N, C-alpha and C. Protein backbone atom coordinates (compact mmCIF):
# COMPACT_ATOMS: atom_id res chain seq x y z
N MET A 1 0.84 -1.18 0.00
CA MET A 1 0.00 0.00 0.00
C MET A 1 0.89 1.24 0.00
N THR A 2 0.59 2.15 -0.89
CA THR A 2 1.33 3.40 -0.97
C THR A 2 0.43 4.54 -0.51
N ILE A 3 0.97 5.39 0.33
CA ILE A 3 0.22 6.54 0.82
C ILE A 3 0.86 7.79 0.24
N ALA A 4 0.05 8.64 -0.41
CA ALA A 4 0.56 9.86 -1.01
C ALA A 4 1.01 10.83 0.09
N LYS A 5 2.11 11.50 -0.18
CA LYS A 5 2.65 12.47 0.78
C LYS A 5 1.62 13.55 1.10
N GLU A 6 0.79 13.91 0.12
CA GLU A 6 -0.23 14.95 0.32
C GLU A 6 -1.19 14.59 1.46
N LYS A 7 -1.49 13.30 1.60
CA LYS A 7 -2.37 12.87 2.69
C LYS A 7 -1.70 13.09 4.04
N LEU A 8 -0.40 12.83 4.10
CA LEU A 8 0.33 12.98 5.36
C LEU A 8 0.51 14.45 5.71
N LEU A 9 0.57 15.31 4.70
CA LEU A 9 0.74 16.74 4.95
C LEU A 9 -0.51 17.37 5.54
N ASN A 10 -1.63 16.64 5.52
CA ASN A 10 -2.87 17.14 6.11
C ASN A 10 -2.93 16.91 7.61
N PHE A 11 -1.91 16.28 8.19
CA PHE A 11 -1.89 16.05 9.62
C PHE A 11 -1.66 17.37 10.36
N THR A 12 -2.34 17.51 11.50
CA THR A 12 -2.17 18.71 12.32
C THR A 12 -0.84 18.63 13.07
N LYS A 13 -0.47 19.73 13.70
CA LYS A 13 0.76 19.78 14.50
C LYS A 13 0.71 18.72 15.61
N LYS A 14 -0.42 18.63 16.30
CA LYS A 14 -0.55 17.66 17.40
C LYS A 14 -0.48 16.23 16.86
N GLU A 15 -1.11 15.99 15.72
CA GLU A 15 -1.03 14.65 15.13
C GLU A 15 0.43 14.31 14.80
N MET A 16 1.17 15.28 14.29
CA MET A 16 2.58 15.05 13.98
C MET A 16 3.38 14.80 15.25
N ASP A 17 3.03 15.49 16.33
CA ASP A 17 3.69 15.25 17.62
C ASP A 17 3.45 13.81 18.07
N VAL A 18 2.20 13.37 17.98
CA VAL A 18 1.86 11.99 18.36
C VAL A 18 2.59 11.01 17.45
N LEU A 19 2.59 11.28 16.16
CA LEU A 19 3.24 10.39 15.20
C LEU A 19 4.73 10.23 15.50
N GLY A 20 5.38 11.33 15.82
CA GLY A 20 6.80 11.27 16.16
C GLY A 20 7.07 10.41 17.38
N LEU A 21 6.19 10.50 18.37
CA LEU A 21 6.36 9.69 19.58
C LEU A 21 6.01 8.23 19.35
N VAL A 22 5.04 7.97 18.47
CA VAL A 22 4.74 6.59 18.09
C VAL A 22 5.97 5.99 17.42
N LYS A 23 6.59 6.77 16.54
CA LYS A 23 7.81 6.31 15.86
C LYS A 23 8.90 5.94 16.85
N GLU A 24 8.97 6.68 17.96
CA GLU A 24 9.98 6.41 18.98
C GLU A 24 9.63 5.20 19.84
N GLY A 25 8.44 4.64 19.64
CA GLY A 25 8.06 3.43 20.35
C GLY A 25 7.31 3.66 21.65
N LEU A 26 6.87 4.89 21.89
CA LEU A 26 6.13 5.17 23.12
C LEU A 26 4.72 4.60 23.05
N SER A 27 4.22 4.17 24.19
CA SER A 27 2.85 3.67 24.29
C SER A 27 1.88 4.84 24.35
N THR A 28 0.61 4.53 24.21
CA THR A 28 -0.43 5.56 24.32
C THR A 28 -0.33 6.27 25.65
N ARG A 29 -0.15 5.52 26.72
CA ARG A 29 -0.04 6.11 28.06
C ARG A 29 1.16 7.05 28.14
N GLU A 30 2.30 6.62 27.61
CA GLU A 30 3.51 7.45 27.65
C GLU A 30 3.35 8.71 26.81
N ILE A 31 2.73 8.57 25.64
CA ILE A 31 2.49 9.75 24.78
C ILE A 31 1.58 10.73 25.48
N ALA A 32 0.54 10.22 26.11
CA ALA A 32 -0.40 11.09 26.85
C ALA A 32 0.34 11.86 27.94
N SER A 33 1.24 11.20 28.62
CA SER A 33 2.00 11.85 29.68
C SER A 33 2.92 12.93 29.12
N VAL A 34 3.64 12.60 28.07
CA VAL A 34 4.59 13.56 27.46
C VAL A 34 3.86 14.79 26.92
N LEU A 35 2.72 14.58 26.29
CA LEU A 35 1.99 15.69 25.66
C LEU A 35 0.92 16.30 26.56
N ALA A 36 0.83 15.83 27.79
CA ALA A 36 -0.14 16.35 28.77
C ALA A 36 -1.56 16.32 28.21
N MET A 37 -1.96 15.13 27.77
CA MET A 37 -3.34 14.94 27.30
C MET A 37 -3.81 13.57 27.75
N SER A 38 -5.08 13.32 27.59
CA SER A 38 -5.62 12.03 28.03
C SER A 38 -5.27 10.93 27.03
N GLU A 39 -5.31 9.71 27.51
CA GLU A 39 -5.07 8.56 26.64
C GLU A 39 -6.13 8.48 25.56
N ASP A 40 -7.36 8.85 25.90
CA ASP A 40 -8.44 8.85 24.90
C ASP A 40 -8.14 9.83 23.78
N THR A 41 -7.56 10.97 24.11
CA THR A 41 -7.20 11.97 23.09
C THR A 41 -6.11 11.43 22.18
N VAL A 42 -5.12 10.76 22.75
CA VAL A 42 -4.06 10.16 21.95
C VAL A 42 -4.66 9.13 21.01
N GLU A 43 -5.53 8.29 21.51
CA GLU A 43 -6.18 7.27 20.67
C GLU A 43 -6.99 7.93 19.55
N SER A 44 -7.63 9.05 19.87
CA SER A 44 -8.39 9.78 18.86
C SER A 44 -7.47 10.29 17.76
N TYR A 45 -6.33 10.84 18.14
CA TYR A 45 -5.35 11.30 17.15
C TYR A 45 -4.89 10.13 16.28
N ARG A 46 -4.63 9.00 16.90
CA ARG A 46 -4.19 7.82 16.14
C ARG A 46 -5.25 7.41 15.11
N ARG A 47 -6.50 7.32 15.55
CA ARG A 47 -7.59 6.94 14.64
C ARG A 47 -7.73 7.93 13.50
N ASN A 48 -7.63 9.22 13.82
CA ASN A 48 -7.75 10.26 12.79
C ASN A 48 -6.63 10.16 11.76
N MET A 49 -5.40 9.89 12.21
CA MET A 49 -4.28 9.78 11.28
C MET A 49 -4.45 8.57 10.36
N ILE A 50 -4.89 7.46 10.91
CA ILE A 50 -5.12 6.25 10.11
C ILE A 50 -6.19 6.54 9.05
N LYS A 51 -7.26 7.20 9.47
CA LYS A 51 -8.35 7.52 8.55
C LYS A 51 -7.89 8.50 7.48
N LYS A 52 -7.21 9.58 7.88
CA LYS A 52 -6.74 10.59 6.92
C LYS A 52 -5.79 9.98 5.89
N ALA A 53 -4.94 9.08 6.34
CA ALA A 53 -3.96 8.48 5.45
C ALA A 53 -4.55 7.35 4.61
N GLY A 54 -5.69 6.84 5.02
CA GLY A 54 -6.28 5.70 4.33
C GLY A 54 -5.48 4.43 4.57
N ALA A 55 -4.90 4.35 5.77
CA ALA A 55 -4.03 3.23 6.12
C ALA A 55 -4.79 2.19 6.94
N GLN A 56 -4.16 1.02 7.08
CA GLN A 56 -4.77 -0.05 7.88
C GLN A 56 -4.45 0.10 9.36
N ASN A 57 -3.29 0.69 9.66
CA ASN A 57 -2.87 0.82 11.06
C ASN A 57 -1.75 1.87 11.16
N MET A 58 -1.31 2.12 12.39
CA MET A 58 -0.28 3.14 12.61
C MET A 58 1.08 2.73 12.07
N VAL A 59 1.35 1.44 11.98
CA VAL A 59 2.62 0.99 11.43
C VAL A 59 2.76 1.50 10.00
N VAL A 60 1.69 1.40 9.23
CA VAL A 60 1.70 1.87 7.84
C VAL A 60 1.87 3.38 7.79
N VAL A 61 1.21 4.09 8.69
CA VAL A 61 1.32 5.55 8.73
C VAL A 61 2.76 5.97 9.06
N VAL A 62 3.35 5.34 10.07
CA VAL A 62 4.73 5.67 10.45
C VAL A 62 5.68 5.36 9.30
N TYR A 63 5.52 4.21 8.68
CA TYR A 63 6.39 3.83 7.56
C TYR A 63 6.29 4.84 6.43
N ALA A 64 5.06 5.23 6.08
CA ALA A 64 4.86 6.19 5.00
C ALA A 64 5.46 7.55 5.33
N ALA A 65 5.27 7.99 6.57
CA ALA A 65 5.82 9.28 6.98
C ALA A 65 7.35 9.26 6.96
N GLN A 66 7.94 8.16 7.36
CA GLN A 66 9.39 8.03 7.31
C GLN A 66 9.87 7.99 5.86
N SER A 67 9.18 7.28 5.02
CA SER A 67 9.56 7.17 3.62
C SER A 67 9.52 8.52 2.91
N CYS A 68 8.60 9.38 3.34
CA CYS A 68 8.48 10.72 2.76
C CYS A 68 9.39 11.73 3.42
N GLY A 69 10.09 11.31 4.48
CA GLY A 69 10.99 12.21 5.18
C GLY A 69 10.29 13.20 6.11
N LEU A 70 9.05 12.89 6.49
CA LEU A 70 8.31 13.79 7.39
C LEU A 70 8.67 13.61 8.85
N ILE A 71 9.14 12.42 9.19
CA ILE A 71 9.57 12.16 10.58
C ILE A 71 10.88 11.41 10.56
């Protein structure tokens, strides 16, 4: 599956913050702590990124963002 860079560029600043921390291997709980938000909010950002990218999961989103040089 290929994800167009244009889809990834539609991510908000907060979504990019979450994406960067997912890339670093942090859990939802750890990301919530680092970004001072609830775990539900982090999960919402994850779902939104998957939907925006048209991906199956966050692994695909992270891979695509890395391939495009966004993270």
